[in-house]
Amino acid sequence: MLEIDIEKRLRDFDLHLRLDVKQGQTLMLVGDNGCGKTTLLNLIAGLDRPDRGRIALEARALYDSELGIDVPPEERGIGYVFQSYALFPHMSVYDNIAFGLRARKTPKEEIDERVKRHLLEAGLWEIRRAKAADVSGGQKQRVALARALIIEPQLLLLDEPLCALDVRRQAAMRAELRETIRACGVPCIIVTHDLRDVTAMGDFACLLERGHVAMRGRPEDVATWGAGQE
């Protein structure tokens, strides 16, 4: 389980959040631009630091201001799919997926076996030698997800994972992404602005307003409320 109780002063408001996400559960995080959604993901991942509070994963403190704990990002066991996918454009699909394992000094034989498995599972085997810059948007999304999953994370964070795809591809990828996340069985947080994502992929949802949870509940309830505000 992921447990969050943190505070951070941002430019325009104070972010103060208390959230729990259980094993195998997917939280959909929605809200206006600039309300703190991506900031929260970065705080959890260790790319930014809270002012105070605690973040724990499976009862292991990743950050604790009172105890002086701040685990480095690469040691948190988190798979992060960034909004822009953050692939290395000059590197092959294979090398992008292998990057996290190489950074952890995983033996080459194990890297080859695990990358091959993820390439096949994601339907990327035929383009494994292609440069990341040369593949389609849907393929980039699969590469980014495979790179996050290959490290066998204890937590998944996805920031607008479908926003770079056209509407037709988004519909197809929602079901595929939902199935992949469920198979992992770890807590997952997905940031989205699309209310269709909320109902298609979430177990529960939170609406953020200026760094606070304004509404928490079933995906369909949060999506219905959000649609009424548009």
Protein backbone atom coordinates (compact mmCIF):
# COMPACT_ATOMS: atom_id res chain seq x y z
CA MET A 1 0.00 0.00 0.00
CA LEU A 2 1.07 3.55 -0.75
CA GLU A 3 0.56 6.04 2.10
CA ILE A 4 0.94 9.79 1.59
CA ASP A 5 0.68 12.60 4.12
CA ILE A 6 2.69 15.57 2.86
CA GLU A 7 2.82 19.35 2.66
CA LYS A 8 4.65 21.58 0.23
CA ARG A 9 4.52 25.31 -0.38
CA LEU A 10 4.02 26.03 -4.08
CA ARG A 11 4.06 29.41 -5.79
CA ASP A 12 0.32 30.06 -5.60
CA PHE A 13 -0.91 27.74 -2.85
CA ASP A 14 0.03 25.13 -0.24
CA LEU A 15 -0.19 21.51 -1.32
CA HIS A 16 -1.46 19.36 1.56
CA LEU A 17 -2.48 15.81 0.71
CA ARG A 18 -3.37 12.65 2.59
CA LEU A 19 -3.97 9.64 0.37
CA ASP A 20 -3.79 5.85 0.52
CA VAL A 21 -3.68 3.54 -2.50
CA LYS A 22 -3.98 -0.18 -1.79
CA GLN A 23 -2.26 -3.05 -3.57
CA GLY A 24 -3.68 -3.59 -7.05
CA GLN A 25 -5.75 -0.40 -6.84
CA THR A 26 -5.67 2.39 -9.44
CA LEU A 27 -6.30 5.97 -8.36
CA MET A 28 -7.32 8.44 -11.06
CA LEU A 29 -6.21 11.98 -10.28
CA VAL A 30 -8.05 14.80 -12.05
CA GLY A 31 -8.13 18.57 -11.76
CA ASP A 32 -7.37 21.81 -13.57
CA ASN A 33 -3.92 22.55 -14.93
CA GLY A 34 -1.61 23.73 -12.17
CA CYS A 35 -3.57 22.21 -9.29
CA GLY A 36 -0.69 19.99 -8.15
CA LYS A 37 -1.26 16.67 -9.95
CA THR A 38 2.13 16.29 -11.61
CA THR A 39 3.83 17.86 -8.60
CA LEU A 40 2.38 15.08 -6.45
CA LEU A 41 3.78 12.40 -8.78
CA ASN A 42 7.20 14.05 -8.70
CA LEU A 43 7.12 14.20 -4.89
CA ILE A 44 6.26 10.51 -4.67
CA ALA A 45 8.97 9.60 -7.18
CA GLY A 46 11.60 11.62 -5.34
CA LEU A 47 12.13 14.12 -8.17
CA ASP A 48 10.95 16.87 -5.83
CA ARG A 49 10.89 17.05 -2.04
CA PRO A 50 7.99 17.85 0.32
CA ASP A 51 8.47 20.48 3.00
CA ARG A 52 7.23 18.06 5.62
CA GLY A 53 5.35 14.80 6.01
CA ARG A 54 5.75 11.15 5.11
CA ILE A 55 5.52 8.91 2.03
CA ALA A 56 5.58 5.15 2.61
CA LEU A 57 5.33 2.19 0.26
CA GLU A 58 4.63 -1.23 1.72
CA ALA A 59 5.36 0.25 5.18
CA ARG A 60 8.82 1.35 4.02
CA ALA A 61 9.41 5.08 4.39
CA LEU A 62 10.47 6.72 1.14
CA TYR A 63 10.34 10.16 2.71
CA ASP A 64 9.93 11.15 6.35
CA SER A 65 10.75 14.70 7.39
CA GLU A 66 10.81 13.87 11.11
CA LEU A 67 13.17 10.91 10.70
CA GLY A 68 15.31 12.58 8.03
CA ILE A 69 14.55 9.89 5.44
CA ASP A 70 14.68 10.77 1.73
CA VAL A 71 15.30 7.69 -0.43
CA PRO A 72 16.90 8.49 -3.83
CA PRO A 73 14.55 8.14 -6.85
CA GLU A 74 16.41 5.14 -8.28
CA GLU A 75 16.00 3.24 -5.01
CA ARG A 76 12.27 3.80 -4.52
CA GLY A 77 11.06 0.95 -6.73
CA ILE A 78 8.76 3.20 -8.74
CA GLY A 79 7.91 2.95 -12.43
CA TYR A 80 7.12 6.40 -13.85
CA VAL A 81 5.60 7.09 -17.28
CA PHE A 82 6.01 10.81 -17.98
CA GLN A 83 3.51 12.86 -19.96
CA SER A 84 5.97 13.33 -22.82
CA TYR A 85 7.14 9.70 -22.36
CA ALA A 86 10.72 11.06 -21.90
CA LEU A 87 12.23 8.48 -24.25
CA PHE A 88 15.77 8.90 -25.52
CA PRO A 89 15.08 9.73 -29.19
CA HIS A 90 18.53 8.73 -30.46
CA MET A 91 18.39 5.32 -28.77
CA SER A 92 16.67 2.21 -30.05
CA VAL A 93 13.43 0.86 -28.64
CA TYR A 94 15.43 -1.99 -27.11
CA ASP A 95 17.93 0.34 -25.43
CA ASN A 96 15.20 2.60 -24.06
CA ILE A 97 13.49 -0.34 -22.38
CA ALA A 98 16.81 -1.71 -21.09
CA PHE A 99 17.91 1.63 -19.66
CA GLY A 100 16.66 1.15 -16.09
CA LEU A 101 18.17 -2.33 -15.80
CA ARG A 102 21.54 -1.14 -17.07
CA ALA A 103 21.48 1.74 -14.59
CA ARG A 104 20.99 -0.87 -11.86
CA LYS A 105 23.94 -2.89 -13.22
CA THR A 106 21.76 -5.91 -13.98
CA PRO A 107 23.73 -8.74 -15.67
CA LYS A 108 23.59 -8.58 -19.48
CA GLU A 109 22.04 -12.04 -19.86
CA GLU A 110 19.19 -11.08 -17.53
CA ILE A 111 18.69 -7.77 -19.34
CA ASP A 112 18.43 -9.56 -22.69
CA GLU A 113 15.90 -12.06 -21.34
CA ARG A 114 13.71 -9.47 -19.63
CA VAL A 115 13.79 -6.96 -22.48
CA LYS A 116 12.88 -9.65 -25.00
CA ARG A 117 9.93 -10.72 -22.85
CA HIS A 118 8.62 -7.16 -22.54
CA LEU A 119 9.14 -6.48 -26.26
CA LEU A 120 7.07 -9.53 -27.13
CA GLU A 121 4.36 -8.80 -24.56
CA ALA A 122 4.04 -5.20 -25.77
CA GLY A 123 4.05 -6.12 -29.46
CA LEU A 124 7.29 -4.22 -30.03
CA TRP A 125 9.61 -7.01 -31.13
CA GLU A 126 9.54 -6.07 -34.82
CA ILE A 127 10.63 -2.48 -34.10
CA ARG A 128 13.17 -3.25 -31.37
CA ARG A 129 16.05 -1.79 -33.43
CA ALA A 130 14.15 1.35 -34.52
CA LYS A 131 15.07 4.71 -33.01
CA ALA A 132 12.50 5.92 -30.49
CA ALA A 133 12.11 9.13 -32.50
CA ASP A 134 10.92 7.14 -35.53
CA VAL A 135 8.06 5.11 -34.02
CA SER A 136 4.39 6.05 -33.73
CA GLY A 137 2.71 7.68 -30.75
CA GLY A 138 1.09 4.43 -29.68
CA GLN A 139 4.40 2.62 -29.92
CA LYS A 140 6.12 5.33 -27.88
CA GLN A 141 3.48 4.85 -25.19
CA ARG A 142 4.16 1.09 -25.13
CA VAL A 143 7.92 1.63 -24.95
CA ALA A 144 7.55 4.05 -22.04
CA LEU A 145 5.28 1.63 -20.17
CA ALA A 146 7.59 -1.33 -20.83
CA ARG A 147 10.53 0.71 -19.51
CA ALA A 148 8.56 1.44 -16.33
CA LEU A 149 7.45 -2.17 -15.88
CA ILE A 150 10.73 -3.93 -16.60
CA ILE A 151 12.23 -2.86 -13.27
CA GLU A 152 9.38 -4.76 -11.55
CA PRO A 153 8.17 -1.70 -9.66
CA GLN A 154 6.25 -1.69 -6.41
CA LEU A 155 4.30 1.37 -7.59
CA LEU A 156 3.28 2.80 -10.97
CA LEU A 157 2.89 6.52 -11.72
CA LEU A 158 1.45 7.58 -15.08
CA ASP A 159 1.15 11.22 -16.09
CA GLU A 160 -1.39 11.74 -18.89
CA PRO A 161 -0.35 8.44 -20.53
CA LEU A 162 -2.80 8.72 -23.45
CA CYS A 163 -2.75 12.44 -24.20
CA ALA A 164 -0.27 12.14 -27.09
CA LEU A 165 -2.52 9.70 -28.96
CA ASP A 166 -5.37 10.51 -31.32
CA VAL A 167 -8.93 9.82 -30.16
CA ARG A 168 -9.19 6.49 -31.99
CA ARG A 169 -5.95 5.18 -30.50
CA GLN A 170 -6.91 6.42 -27.02
CA ALA A 171 -10.04 4.26 -27.00
CA ALA A 172 -8.08 1.15 -27.95
CA MET A 173 -5.26 1.82 -25.50
CA ARG A 174 -7.50 2.39 -22.46
CA ALA A 175 -8.48 -1.27 -22.27
CA GLU A 176 -4.94 -2.43 -23.01
CA LEU A 177 -3.45 -0.15 -20.36
CA ARG A 178 -6.05 -1.17 -17.79
CA GLU A 179 -5.29 -4.85 -18.38
CA THR A 180 -1.53 -4.30 -18.12
CA ILE A 181 -1.83 -2.35 -14.87
CA ARG A 182 -4.14 -4.92 -13.31
CA ALA A 183 -1.69 -7.71 -14.19
CA CYS A 184 1.04 -5.93 -12.22
CA GLY A 185 -0.97 -5.98 -9.00
CA VAL A 186 0.74 -2.90 -7.55
CA PRO A 187 -0.69 0.48 -6.49
CA CYS A 188 -1.04 2.86 -9.42
CA ILE A 189 -1.78 6.57 -9.77
CA ILE A 190 -2.83 7.95 -13.15
CA VAL A 191 -3.05 11.69 -13.79
CA THR A 192 -5.50 12.61 -16.54
CA HIS A 193 -7.63 15.47 -17.82
CA ASP A 194 -9.89 13.12 -19.80
CA LEU A 195 -12.93 11.97 -17.83
CA ARG A 196 -13.25 8.93 -20.11
CA ASP A 197 -9.96 7.69 -18.67
CA VAL A 198 -11.36 8.02 -15.15
CA THR A 199 -14.27 5.65 -15.68
CA ALA A 200 -12.38 3.24 -17.95
CA MET A 201 -9.29 2.68 -15.79
CA GLY A 202 -9.90 3.77 -12.22
CA ASP A 203 -10.89 1.92 -9.06
CA PHE A 204 -11.43 5.27 -7.35
CA ALA A 205 -10.77 8.89 -8.20
CA CYS A 206 -9.79 12.17 -6.58
CA LEU A 207 -10.41 15.69 -7.77
CA LEU A 208 -7.61 18.08 -6.84
CA GLU A 209 -8.15 21.80 -6.36
CA ARG A 210 -5.18 24.02 -5.47
CA GLY A 211 -3.26 21.23 -3.76
CA HIS A 212 -6.17 19.72 -1.79
CA VAL A 213 -8.54 16.82 -2.40
CA ALA A 214 -11.87 18.48 -3.20
CA MET A 215 -13.70 15.24 -3.96
CA ARG A 216 -12.95 11.55 -3.56
CA GLY A 217 -15.15 8.67 -4.63
CA ARG A 218 -16.17 6.25 -7.32
CA PRO A 219 -14.78 7.05 -10.78
CA GLU A 220 -18.23 7.56 -12.25
CA ASP A 221 -19.22 9.99 -9.49
CA VAL A 222 -16.09 12.11 -9.87
CA ALA A 223 -16.39 12.03 -13.66
CA THR A 224 -20.06 13.09 -13.50
CA TRP A 225 -19.24 15.94 -11.15
CA GLY A 226 -16.30 16.98 -13.32
CA ALA A 227 -18.40 16.94 -16.47
CA GLY A 228 -20.85 19.30 -14.81
CA GLN A 229 -18.07 21.81 -14.20
CA GLU A 230 -16.96 21.97 -17.83
